[in-house]
Amino acid sequence: MKIVTVEQMREIEAASDRAGHSYAAMMEQAGRAVADAIIARHDVRDESILILVGPGNNGGDGLVAARHLTQAGARVTCYLYQSRDSARDDMPTPDSLHEDDAQIVLADDDEDWRQLRQLTRQSAVIVDALLGTGVRLPLQGRLADMLDQVRQALKTRPTPQAPPLTWLTSIPNPPPSNAPVIVAVDGPSGLDHDSGALDPRALRADLTVTFAYPKRGHFEFPGAGALGDLLVADIGTPKRLADDVTLELVTADMARQWLPSRPPDAHKGTFGKALVIAGSTNYTGAAYLAGSAATRAGAGLVTLAIPEPIHTAIASRLAEATYLPLPQVLGHIASHAASMLQDHLAEYDALLLGPGLGQHTSTATFVQRLLLHTPQSDTPLVIDADGLNILARAKAWFEKLPSPAILTPHPGEMARLMGTDIQEVQDHRVEVAQAQARQWGHVIVLKGAYTVVAAPDGRTVIAPFATPGLATAGTGDVLAGAIVALRAQGLDAFPAAAAGAYLHGLAGELAQRKVGTAGMVAGDVLEHLPEAWRRLARG
């Protein structure tokens, strides 16, 4: 699914109108989609619904939704920020609602906002159809005052009384919430749909209905945190009009097509051999998580090359792997292990280097000798964690790696590789990943909420997961292990990285549903990798 900028969406709508699918037709489908989304989630019969109607297309979508919600039995009030009598011919006006008995209130007739506050307090659903993608921040003037009044009215809304506390024999159910459902049309008014910037006056939504394609700002924080559930509704624009858009959201269908096949006559060699160079006495768990994830993500054989002192601890937990104990210095891989490993790289279909290595001087020398100071191996390469931190100290490191390698930095590691600060990375995640993939010639997996995967040729995808439970130590090791497993099974670098990010994110979602966001650990994600694969493969 393509992800578009505001300008790209405007061009697609204009081209669609020129091709015969008019603005009026698109608006009708958009408003109907908003109404259908509300009706699918709530019994709207006899419910009070307040629609905040702006002056442009977003307000037009709201008026169309009002008509369909009224026909479904809801008691709808449209509160108009401005009169729409002078709207374009293809724009709906309040007159189109009179026959359906929807109430119309004009802000100009409500000078002290008394009606707005009363309507807000009595509504079960509030639809924000004020600004949509046409916002300019910061919000100012009467519109900003209008949103302030709604927010204040929501705070003063009466709340049902909890039952009196008595001698309890069981934990009672909490009192029902009296908060209305907030539905945003395209996005909360006050969201910059390109940057994700969010005005403090914006109403945080429970559901956002956007049209044709999700927008860049839907996946950038803080705005992404104000959407609630995001629904992308079809409004009939021809798909060919987005052919030139290079940024995509990974869907289940896309990820399923990338998964390697699992033929019934396979043997372990069919699914590849992965070598994982990882671990130190301080970070034993990282080697275990990465190696175990590689087995769980389908690699036929996984070998862990680890410092000899941690071999017993890991082997006792991971019996399915084979091991290559390496010489060590104070529990870290010794520098002369590089020459030893050079003789083994050709035996493997993919190599992961980095999880839990630490940055001891001997290990840093080992990494540089293995990757930068010896003839390049053709073995596909995934570099994570301390492997990246060590490379960041070397000049022109990216020129000496087999191309394309897969680099899996979190924002801090990305900042070190670039010589910049974390905020610069986080403020421009897509652009940073794209620019560095192009400059370095390698696939970038920029981890975090809505992980970005970028290839040197410009292909870029966003994984559709922002899972709080994944914000815990070790989940990155699981991701790296999943990616190297897919690479070992024959996937090219970009699809291995993108499918690995999706598989990992889905496993995180499944784990979070089971154990919740607090207390979820990397091992929970590891446990759910096979289930994520099964669900994805079966559709």
Protein backbone atom coordinates (compact mmCIF):
# COMPACT_ATOMS: atom_id res chain seq x y z
CA MET A 1 0.00 0.00 0.00
CA LYS A 2 1.46 3.35 -1.04
CA ILE A 3 2.07 6.11 1.52
CA VAL A 4 1.66 9.60 0.08
CA THR A 5 2.48 13.18 0.93
CA VAL A 6 -0.27 15.79 1.03
CA GLU A 7 0.84 17.16 -2.34
CA GLN A 8 0.90 13.71 -3.91
CA MET A 9 -2.65 13.09 -2.68
CA ARG A 10 -3.81 16.40 -4.14
CA GLU A 11 -2.29 15.46 -7.49
CA ILE A 12 -3.94 12.02 -7.41
CA GLU A 13 -7.35 13.55 -6.67
CA ALA A 14 -6.94 16.15 -9.42
CA ALA A 15 -5.89 13.50 -11.94
CA SER A 16 -8.82 11.33 -10.90
CA ASP A 17 -11.21 14.24 -11.42
CA ARG A 18 -9.76 14.89 -14.89
CA ALA A 19 -10.15 11.19 -15.70
CA GLY A 20 -13.87 11.33 -14.94
CA HIS A 21 -14.07 10.25 -11.30
CA SER A 22 -15.13 13.62 -9.92
CA TYR A 23 -14.40 15.35 -6.65
CA ALA A 24 -18.09 15.01 -5.82
CA ALA A 25 -17.94 11.24 -6.35
CA MET A 26 -14.80 10.95 -4.24
CA MET A 27 -16.40 13.01 -1.47
CA GLU A 28 -19.52 10.87 -1.52
CA GLN A 29 -17.46 7.72 -1.11
CA ALA A 30 -15.32 9.33 1.60
CA GLY A 31 -18.26 10.50 3.69
CA ARG A 32 -20.02 7.18 3.27
CA ALA A 33 -16.85 5.41 4.45
CA VAL A 34 -16.75 7.53 7.60
CA ALA A 35 -20.38 6.75 8.37
CA ASP A 36 -19.92 3.04 7.65
CA ALA A 37 -16.88 2.89 9.95
CA ILE A 38 -18.89 4.43 12.79
CA ILE A 39 -21.91 2.22 12.17
CA ALA A 40 -19.71 -0.90 12.08
CA ARG A 41 -18.36 -0.11 15.55
CA HIS A 42 -21.40 1.37 17.31
CA ASP A 43 -25.17 1.04 17.38
CA VAL A 44 -25.96 4.59 16.26
CA ARG A 45 -29.74 4.35 16.46
CA ASP A 46 -31.01 7.22 18.66
CA GLU A 47 -27.43 8.12 19.57
CA SER A 48 -26.35 11.77 19.58
CA ILE A 49 -23.56 12.42 17.09
CA LEU A 50 -21.81 15.77 16.77
CA ILE A 51 -20.00 16.52 13.50
CA LEU A 52 -17.58 19.45 13.53
CA VAL A 53 -17.70 20.75 9.96
CA GLY A 54 -14.86 22.77 8.45
CA PRO A 55 -14.95 25.03 5.39
CA GLY A 56 -13.22 22.74 2.85
CA ASN A 57 -13.28 19.22 1.51
CA ASN A 58 -12.92 17.73 4.98
CA GLY A 59 -16.12 19.47 6.04
CA GLY A 60 -17.80 18.19 2.88
CA ASP A 61 -16.86 14.64 3.87
CA GLY A 62 -18.42 15.34 7.26
CA LEU A 63 -21.70 16.54 5.75
CA VAL A 64 -21.95 13.42 3.57
CA ALA A 65 -21.28 11.28 6.65
CA ALA A 66 -24.01 13.19 8.49
CA ARG A 67 -26.55 12.28 5.83
CA HIS A 68 -25.74 8.56 6.03
CA LEU A 69 -25.64 8.54 9.83
CA THR A 70 -29.04 10.28 9.99
CA GLN A 71 -30.47 7.71 7.61
CA ALA A 72 -29.12 5.01 9.94
CA GLY A 73 -31.17 6.43 12.81
CA ALA A 74 -28.65 8.64 14.59
CA ARG A 75 -29.51 12.07 15.97
CA VAL A 76 -26.92 14.16 14.14
CA THR A 77 -25.92 17.76 14.72
CA CYS A 78 -23.57 19.47 12.28
CA TYR A 79 -21.70 22.34 13.91
CA LEU A 80 -20.35 24.54 11.11
CA TYR A 81 -17.19 26.54 11.71
CA GLN A 82 -18.13 28.77 8.76
CA SER A 83 -21.13 29.14 6.49
CA ARG A 84 -20.86 26.87 3.43
CA ASP A 85 -23.40 28.72 1.26
CA SER A 86 -20.64 29.84 -1.10
CA ALA A 87 -19.10 26.38 -1.46
CA ARG A 88 -18.17 24.97 -4.87
CA ASP A 89 -20.91 23.39 -6.94
CA ASP A 90 -19.50 19.92 -6.23
CA MET A 91 -19.50 20.51 -2.47
CA PRO A 92 -22.39 19.42 -0.25
CA THR A 93 -24.06 22.19 1.76
CA PRO A 94 -26.24 22.04 4.88
CA ASP A 95 -29.30 22.38 2.63
CA SER A 96 -28.76 18.81 1.50
CA LEU A 97 -29.39 17.65 5.06
CA HIS A 98 -32.67 19.39 5.80
CA GLU A 99 -34.80 16.62 4.38
CA ASP A 100 -33.10 14.19 6.73
CA ASP A 101 -33.78 16.40 9.77
CA ALA A 102 -30.15 16.77 10.84
CA GLN A 103 -29.69 19.76 13.12
CA ILE A 104 -27.46 22.56 11.81
CA VAL A 105 -25.66 25.00 14.12
CA LEU A 106 -23.45 27.80 12.82
CA ALA A 107 -20.55 28.93 14.97
CA ASP A 108 -21.28 32.57 14.11
CA ASP A 109 -24.65 32.15 15.83
CA ASP A 110 -23.04 30.70 18.96
CA GLU A 111 -20.89 33.60 20.09
CA ASP A 112 -20.24 32.34 23.62
CA TRP A 113 -19.83 28.68 22.51
CA ARG A 114 -22.63 27.60 24.83
CA GLN A 115 -24.30 25.34 22.27
CA LEU A 116 -20.99 23.78 21.30
CA ARG A 117 -20.18 22.91 24.90
CA GLN A 118 -23.65 21.47 25.47
CA LEU A 119 -23.53 19.40 22.27
CA THR A 120 -20.09 18.08 23.16
CA ARG A 121 -21.21 16.96 26.61
CA GLN A 122 -24.30 15.12 25.33
CA SER A 123 -22.78 13.37 22.28
CA ALA A 124 -21.81 9.70 22.10
CA VAL A 125 -19.68 10.25 18.98
CA ILE A 126 -17.82 13.37 17.87
CA VAL A 127 -16.61 13.52 14.27
CA ASP A 128 -13.73 15.90 13.61
CA ALA A 129 -14.22 17.05 10.01
CA LEU A 130 -12.67 20.49 10.39
CA LEU A 131 -9.31 20.66 8.63
CA GLY A 132 -8.03 17.31 7.38
CA THR A 133 -4.79 17.48 5.40
CA GLY A 134 -5.00 21.23 4.75
CA VAL A 135 -3.76 22.29 8.18
CA ARG A 136 -1.20 25.00 8.83
CA LEU A 137 0.36 25.01 12.27
CA PRO A 138 0.03 26.43 14.81
CA LEU A 139 -3.75 26.62 14.96
CA GLN A 140 -4.88 30.16 15.62
CA GLY A 141 -7.90 32.38 15.92
CA ARG A 142 -11.49 31.29 16.28
CA LEU A 143 -10.87 27.74 15.10
CA ALA A 144 -8.28 27.25 17.84
CA ASP A 145 -10.78 28.68 20.33
CA MET A 146 -13.41 26.25 19.04
CA LEU A 147 -11.21 23.22 19.67
CA ASP A 148 -10.33 24.58 23.13
CA GLN A 149 -14.04 24.74 23.95
CA VAL A 150 -14.56 21.13 22.86
CA ARG A 151 -11.60 19.95 24.91
CA GLN A 152 -12.80 21.83 27.97
CA ALA A 153 -16.33 20.48 27.60
CA LEU A 154 -14.98 16.93 27.42
CA LYS A 155 -13.13 17.49 30.70
CA THR A 156 -16.28 18.72 32.45
CA ARG A 157 -18.56 16.02 31.08
CA PRO A 158 -20.38 14.20 33.92
CA THR A 159 -19.00 10.77 34.72
CA PRO A 160 -21.12 7.85 36.01
CA GLN A 161 -20.67 7.19 39.70
CA ALA A 162 -18.73 4.09 40.67
CA PRO A 163 -20.59 1.65 42.93
CA PRO A 164 -19.88 2.22 46.62
CA LEU A 165 -16.99 0.21 48.01
CA THR A 166 -18.18 -2.53 50.30
CA TRP A 167 -16.54 -5.63 51.73
CA LEU A 168 -15.38 -7.11 48.40
CA THR A 169 -15.33 -10.79 47.60
CA SER A 170 -14.23 -10.13 44.02
CA ILE A 171 -12.84 -7.29 41.95
CA PRO A 172 -15.79 -5.31 40.53
CA ASN A 173 -16.02 -4.23 36.92
CA PRO A 174 -15.06 -0.60 36.44
CA PRO A 175 -17.88 1.88 35.89
CA PRO A 176 -18.72 2.42 32.23
CA SER A 177 -16.71 5.13 30.49
CA ASN A 178 -18.66 8.25 29.65
CA ALA A 179 -16.13 9.57 27.17
CA PRO A 180 -17.45 10.03 23.63
CA VAL A 181 -15.81 8.26 20.71
CA ILE A 182 -13.71 10.70 18.68
CA VAL A 183 -13.56 9.98 14.94
CA ALA A 184 -11.12 11.99 12.80
CA VAL A 185 -11.70 12.49 9.09
CA ASP A 186 -8.28 12.06 7.42
CA GLY A 187 -6.61 12.97 10.71
CA PRO A 188 -7.13 15.07 13.84
CA SER A 189 -7.42 18.77 13.06
CA GLY A 190 -4.02 20.07 14.05
CA LEU A 191 -2.03 17.18 12.56
CA ASP A 192 0.55 18.01 9.89
CA HIS A 193 -0.03 15.08 7.54
CA ASP A 194 3.50 15.29 6.15
CA SER A 195 5.66 15.74 9.25
CA GLY A 196 3.51 14.27 12.02
CA ALA A 197 3.69 17.54 13.98
CA LEU A 198 0.64 17.92 16.25
CA ASP A 199 -0.92 21.08 17.63
CA PRO A 200 -1.64 20.78 21.37
CA ARG A 201 -5.27 21.73 20.70
CA ALA A 202 -5.88 18.69 18.45
CA LEU A 203 -8.54 16.21 19.54
CA ARG A 204 -6.93 12.82 19.95
CA ALA A 205 -8.98 10.32 18.00
CA ASP A 206 -10.15 6.81 18.78
CA LEU A 207 -10.56 6.14 15.06
CA THR A 208 -9.10 7.91 12.03
CA VAL A 209 -10.58 7.30 8.59
CA THR A 210 -8.30 8.40 5.76
CA PHE A 211 -8.86 8.02 2.06
CA ALA A 212 -7.18 6.21 -0.83
CA TYR A 213 -3.76 6.01 0.86
CA PRO A 214 -2.31 6.65 4.30
CA LYS A 215 -0.31 9.86 4.61
CA ARG A 216 3.30 10.32 5.71
CA GLY A 217 2.28 12.04 8.94
CA HIS A 218 0.22 9.03 10.01
CA PHE A 219 3.51 7.25 10.76
CA GLU A 220 5.45 10.13 12.32
CA PHE A 221 5.24 11.01 15.99
CA PRO A 222 3.77 12.76 17.90
CA GLY A 223 0.90 12.82 15.42
CA ALA A 224 0.90 9.05 14.93
CA GLY A 225 0.04 8.69 18.60
CA ALA A 226 -3.18 10.72 18.19
CA LEU A 227 -4.88 8.63 15.50
CA GLY A 228 -6.35 5.72 17.41
CA ASP A 229 -7.15 2.97 14.92
CA LEU A 230 -6.31 3.94 11.33
CA LEU A 231 -8.71 2.87 8.57
CA VAL A 232 -7.81 3.48 4.91
CA ALA A 233 -10.97 3.73 2.81
CA ASP A 234 -11.23 3.41 -0.97
CA ILE A 235 -12.65 6.48 -2.73
CA GLY A 236 -12.30 5.16 -6.27
CA THR A 237 -9.08 6.86 -7.40
CA PRO A 238 -7.34 4.73 -10.07
CA LYS A 239 -4.38 2.86 -8.60
CA ARG A 240 -2.18 3.73 -11.57
CA LEU A 241 -2.14 7.35 -10.40
CA ALA A 242 0.14 6.33 -7.52
CA ASP A 243 2.60 4.34 -9.61
CA ASP A 244 5.33 6.94 -9.12
CA VAL A 245 5.03 6.91 -5.32
CA THR A 246 8.03 5.01 -3.92
CA LEU A 247 7.14 4.84 -0.22
CA GLU A 248 4.93 1.90 0.78
CA LEU A 249 3.35 0.40 3.85
CA VAL A 250 4.12 -3.31 4.20
CA THR A 251 0.86 -5.23 4.09
CA ALA A 252 0.30 -8.86 4.96
CA ASP A 253 -0.09 -9.67 1.28
CA MET A 254 3.27 -8.11 0.44
CA ALA A 255 5.05 -9.90 3.28
CA ARG A 256 3.41 -13.20 2.35
CA GLN A 257 4.75 -12.96 -1.19
CA TRP A 258 8.27 -12.49 0.17
CA LEU A 259 8.23 -15.51 2.47
CA PRO A 260 10.37 -18.36 1.14
CA SER A 261 8.54 -21.53 0.18
CA ARG A 262 8.62 -24.60 2.44
CA PRO A 263 8.40 -27.61 0.08
CA PRO A 264 7.39 -30.95 1.61
CA ASP A 265 10.50 -32.73 0.29
CA ALA A 266 12.88 -30.23 1.90
CA HIS A 267 15.89 -31.05 4.08
CA LYS A 268 17.78 -28.71 6.39
CA GLY A 269 20.06 -27.62 3.59
CA THR A 270 17.03 -26.40 1.66
CA PHE A 271 16.49 -23.64 4.19
CA GLY A 272 20.05 -22.40 4.41
CA LYS A 273 22.85 -22.16 6.93
CA ALA A 274 23.18 -19.04 9.05
CA LEU A 275 26.24 -18.03 11.05
CA VAL A 276 25.65 -15.72 14.03
CA ILE A 277 28.72 -13.99 15.50
CA ALA A 278 27.54 -12.57 18.78
CA GLY A 279 27.79 -12.35 22.54
CA SER A 280 30.17 -11.55 25.37
CA THR A 281 30.12 -12.24 29.09
CA ASN A 282 28.17 -9.01 29.65
CA TYR A 283 25.62 -9.78 26.94
CA THR A 284 25.10 -13.51 26.91
CA GLY A 285 21.38 -13.19 26.25
CA ALA A 286 21.86 -11.29 23.00
CA ALA A 287 23.64 -14.23 21.39
CA TYR A 288 20.93 -16.62 22.58
CA LEU A 289 18.06 -14.41 21.32
CA ALA A 290 19.61 -13.80 17.90
CA GLY A 291 20.56 -17.44 17.37
CA SER A 292 17.23 -18.74 18.61
CA ALA A 293 15.33 -16.25 16.42
CA ALA A 294 17.24 -17.51 13.40
CA THR A 295 16.03 -21.05 14.14
CA ARG A 296 12.48 -19.84 14.78
CA ALA A 297 12.41 -17.88 11.52
CA GLY A 298 13.09 -20.93 9.43
CA ALA A 299 16.85 -21.27 8.88
CA GLY A 300 17.78 -24.92 8.32
CA LEU A 301 20.96 -24.79 10.38
CA VAL A 302 22.22 -22.07 12.71
CA THR A 303 25.77 -21.86 14.05
CA LEU A 304 26.67 -19.52 16.90
CA ALA A 305 30.23 -18.21 16.88
CA ILE A 306 30.60 -16.95 20.45
CA PRO A 307 33.32 -16.36 23.05
CA GLU A 308 34.25 -19.69 24.59
CA PRO A 309 33.34 -18.76 28.22
CA ILE A 310 29.63 -18.28 27.40
CA HIS A 311 29.28 -21.48 25.35
CA THR A 312 27.92 -23.65 28.17
CA ALA A 313 25.35 -21.08 29.28
CA ILE A 314 23.90 -20.64 25.80
CA ALA A 315 24.15 -24.25 24.63
CA SER A 316 22.19 -25.38 27.66
CA ARG A 317 19.26 -23.23 26.46
CA LEU A 318 19.60 -23.59 22.69
CA ALA A 319 20.12 -27.20 21.78
CA GLU A 320 19.06 -26.75 18.14
CA ALA A 321 22.12 -24.73 17.11
CA THR A 322 25.67 -25.80 16.46
CA TYR A 323 28.56 -23.88 17.98
CA LEU A 324 31.89 -22.42 17.07
CA PRO A 325 33.59 -21.31 20.31
CA LEU A 326 36.01 -18.46 19.68
CA PRO A 327 39.18 -17.36 21.47
CA GLN A 328 38.47 -14.62 23.97
CA VAL A 329 39.93 -11.83 26.06
CA LEU A 330 38.12 -11.16 29.35
CA GLY A 331 34.95 -12.74 27.95
CA HIS A 332 35.05 -10.84 24.64
CA ILE A 333 35.96 -12.18 21.19
CA ALA A 334 39.71 -11.90 20.67
CA SER A 335 41.13 -10.07 17.68
CA HIS A 336 42.86 -13.12 16.21
CA ALA A 337 39.51 -14.94 15.89
CA ALA A 338 39.07 -13.08 12.59
CA SER A 339 41.56 -15.26 10.72
CA MET A 340 39.94 -18.36 12.19
CA LEU A 341 36.48 -17.33 10.98
CA GLN A 342 37.64 -16.39 7.50
CA ASP A 343 38.08 -20.08 6.77
CA HIS A 344 34.46 -20.81 7.68
CA LEU A 345 32.45 -18.00 6.04
CA ALA A 346 32.13 -19.76 2.68
CA GLU A 347 30.25 -22.61 4.39
CA TYR A 348 27.30 -20.35 5.23
CA ASP A 349 24.48 -18.75 3.26
CA ALA A 350 24.24 -15.67 5.50
CA LEU A 351 26.15 -14.06 8.34
CA LEU A 352 24.88 -11.96 11.26
CA LEU A 353 27.45 -9.99 13.22
CA GLY A 354 26.94 -7.76 16.21
CA PRO A 355 24.38 -8.68 18.87
CA GLY A 356 25.94 -8.44 22.33
CA LEU A 357 29.56 -8.24 21.12
CA GLY A 358 30.46 -5.36 23.38
CA GLN A 359 33.09 -2.81 22.38
CA HIS A 360 36.20 -4.19 24.05
CA THR A 361 39.38 -3.23 22.19
CA SER A 362 40.06 -6.81 21.15
CA THR A 363 36.53 -7.22 19.75
CA ALA A 364 36.71 -3.92 17.87
CA THR A 365 39.93 -5.09 16.22
CA PHE A 366 38.27 -8.42 15.43
CA VAL A 367 35.33 -6.73 13.68
CA GLN A 368 37.54 -4.42 11.67
CA ARG A 369 39.83 -7.27 10.61
CA LEU A 370 36.93 -9.51 9.64
CA LEU A 371 34.96 -6.89 7.68
CA LEU A 372 37.37 -4.18 6.60
CA HIS A 373 40.93 -5.46 6.45
CA THR A 374 40.64 -8.81 4.71
CA PRO A 375 39.36 -9.75 1.24
CA GLN A 376 35.60 -9.47 1.07
CA SER A 377 33.56 -12.64 1.43
CA ASP A 378 30.54 -13.18 -0.80
CA THR A 379 28.50 -14.34 2.20
CA PRO A 380 25.40 -12.10 2.59
CA LEU A 381 25.87 -9.94 5.66
CA VAL A 382 23.60 -8.54 8.39
CA ILE A 383 25.18 -6.13 10.89
CA ASP A 384 23.51 -5.17 14.16
CA ALA A 385 24.17 -3.48 17.49
CA ASP A 386 27.86 -3.33 18.50
CA GLY A 387 28.89 -4.40 15.02
CA LEU A 388 27.48 -1.05 13.88
CA ASN A 389 28.96 0.89 16.79
CA ILE A 390 32.42 -0.45 15.97
CA LEU A 391 32.06 0.31 12.26
CA ALA A 392 31.07 3.88 13.09
CA ARG A 393 34.67 4.53 14.23
CA ALA A 394 36.18 3.55 10.86
CA LYS A 395 36.51 5.79 7.82
CA ALA A 396 34.62 4.84 4.66
CA TRP A 397 33.53 1.59 6.32
CA PHE A 398 30.55 1.26 3.97
CA GLU A 399 32.83 1.01 0.93
CA LYS A 400 34.48 -2.15 2.25
CA LEU A 401 31.42 -4.27 3.06
CA PRO A 402 29.96 -6.83 0.64
CA SER A 403 27.10 -5.09 -1.11
CA PRO A 404 24.34 -4.92 -0.27
CA ALA A 405 24.70 -5.66 3.42
CA ILE A 406 21.72 -5.21 5.74
CA LEU A 407 22.31 -2.71 8.56
CA THR A 408 19.82 -2.74 11.45
CA PRO A 409 20.45 0.36 13.60
CA HIS A 410 18.23 1.83 16.27
CA PRO A 411 18.16 5.68 16.18
CA GLY A 412 21.18 6.02 18.48
CA GLU A 413 23.28 3.67 16.36
CA MET A 414 22.12 5.42 13.19
CA ALA A 415 23.18 8.77 14.64
CA ARG A 416 26.64 7.39 15.44
CA LEU A 417 27.03 5.97 11.93
CA MET A 418 26.10 9.35 10.46
CA GLY A 419 27.96 11.54 12.95
CA THR A 420 24.80 13.40 13.93
CA ASP A 421 22.35 13.46 16.85
CA ILE A 422 19.39 11.21 17.58
CA GLN A 423 16.85 14.02 17.18
CA GLU A 424 17.95 14.61 13.60
CA VAL A 425 17.37 10.92 12.87
CA GLN A 426 13.98 10.81 14.57
CA ASP A 427 12.74 14.03 12.98
CA HIS A 428 13.38 12.70 9.46
CA ARG A 429 13.29 8.91 9.72
CA VAL A 430 12.22 8.14 6.16
CA GLU A 431 14.51 10.71 4.55
CA VAL A 432 17.48 9.64 6.70
CA ALA A 433 17.03 5.96 5.89
CA GLN A 434 16.64 6.67 2.17
CA ALA A 435 19.61 9.03 1.96
CA GLN A 436 22.00 6.76 3.86
CA ALA A 437 20.92 3.64 1.97
CA ARG A 438 21.69 5.48 -1.24
CA GLN A 439 24.99 6.92 0.00
CA TRP A 440 26.28 3.75 1.67
CA GLY A 441 24.97 1.29 -0.90
CA HIS A 442 23.39 -0.97 1.72
CA VAL A 443 19.87 -1.80 2.96
CA ILE A 444 18.93 0.17 6.08
CA VAL A 445 16.50 -1.13 8.70
CA LEU A 446 15.90 1.91 10.92
CA LYS A 447 14.28 0.37 13.98
CA GLY A 448 11.61 1.90 16.18
CA ALA A 449 7.88 2.50 16.06
CA TYR A 450 7.02 2.06 12.36
CA THR A 451 10.39 0.62 11.36
CA VAL A 452 11.67 2.02 8.04
CA VAL A 453 13.42 -0.25 5.51
CA ALA A 454 15.25 1.48 2.65
CA ALA A 455 17.24 0.08 -0.27
CA PRO A 456 20.01 1.80 -2.26
CA ASP A 457 17.78 1.91 -5.35
CA GLY A 458 15.13 3.99 -3.55
CA ARG A 459 12.64 1.29 -2.59
CA THR A 460 11.36 2.15 0.87
CA VAL A 461 8.74 0.56 3.10
CA ILE A 462 7.36 1.17 6.56
CA ALA A 463 6.35 -1.73 8.80
CA PRO A 464 2.85 -1.12 10.20
CA PHE A 465 3.70 -1.74 13.85
CA ALA A 466 4.10 0.66 16.78
CA THR A 467 4.05 -1.80 19.66
CA PRO A 468 5.05 -0.54 23.15
CA GLY A 469 5.87 -4.08 24.24
CA LEU A 470 8.73 -4.17 21.74
CA ALA A 471 10.46 -1.29 23.55
CA THR A 472 12.52 -3.61 25.71
CA ALA A 473 16.04 -5.01 25.67
CA GLY A 474 16.69 -7.88 23.29
CA THR A 475 13.90 -7.38 20.77
CA GLY A 476 16.41 -5.99 18.28
CA ASP A 477 18.45 -9.18 18.60
CA VAL A 478 15.34 -11.16 17.72
CA LEU A 479 14.78 -8.97 14.65
CA ALA A 480 18.37 -9.42 13.47
CA GLY A 481 18.09 -13.19 13.89
CA ALA A 482 14.86 -13.29 11.89
CA ILE A 483 16.41 -11.26 9.06
CA VAL A 484 19.54 -13.41 8.79
CA ALA A 485 17.33 -16.51 8.68
CA LEU A 486 15.39 -15.14 5.72
CA ARG A 487 18.60 -14.11 4.01
CA ALA A 488 19.98 -17.63 4.51
CA GLN A 489 16.83 -19.03 2.91
CA GLY A 490 17.65 -17.22 -0.29
CA LEU A 491 15.79 -13.92 -0.08
CA ASP A 492 17.53 -10.88 -1.51
CA ALA A 493 18.62 -8.21 0.94
CA PHE A 494 15.64 -5.83 0.67
CA PRO A 495 12.81 -8.40 0.85
CA ALA A 496 14.64 -10.25 3.66
CA ALA A 497 14.85 -7.03 5.65
CA ALA A 498 11.27 -5.95 4.94
CA ALA A 499 9.73 -9.40 5.54
CA GLY A 500 11.83 -9.81 8.68
CA ALA A 501 10.60 -6.47 10.03
CA TYR A 502 6.98 -7.47 9.34
CA LEU A 503 7.37 -10.95 10.83
CA HIS A 504 9.04 -9.51 13.92
CA GLY A 505 6.39 -6.80 14.31
CA LEU A 506 3.55 -9.29 13.97
CA ALA A 507 5.16 -11.56 16.56
CA GLY A 508 5.39 -8.54 18.84
CA GLU A 509 1.70 -7.79 18.37
CA LEU A 510 0.76 -11.40 19.14
CA ALA A 511 2.94 -11.40 22.24
CA GLN A 512 1.49 -8.12 23.45
CA ARG A 513 -2.05 -9.42 23.08
CA LYS A 514 -1.10 -12.34 25.31
CA VAL A 515 0.98 -10.69 28.04
CA GLY A 516 0.27 -6.95 27.72
CA THR A 517 2.64 -4.04 27.20
CA ALA A 518 4.19 -3.98 30.66
CA GLY A 519 6.43 -6.92 31.49
CA MET A 520 6.62 -8.19 27.91
CA VAL A 521 10.17 -9.35 27.14
CA ALA A 522 12.14 -10.30 24.05
CA GLY A 523 11.60 -13.98 24.78
CA ASP A 524 7.86 -13.45 24.34
CA VAL A 525 8.49 -12.16 20.81
CA LEU A 526 10.78 -15.10 20.13
CA GLU A 527 8.10 -17.52 21.26
CA HIS A 528 5.56 -16.02 18.83
CA LEU A 529 7.71 -16.00 15.67
CA PRO A 530 6.41 -19.41 14.46
CA GLU A 531 2.80 -18.32 15.06
CA ALA A 532 3.43 -15.07 13.18
CA TRP A 533 4.85 -17.05 10.25
CA ARG A 534 1.90 -19.46 10.32
CA ARG A 535 -0.69 -16.66 10.31
CA LEU A 536 1.11 -14.79 7.59
CA ALA A 537 1.57 -17.84 5.37
CA ARG A 538 -2.07 -18.90 5.71
CA GLY A 539 -3.45 -15.42 5.15
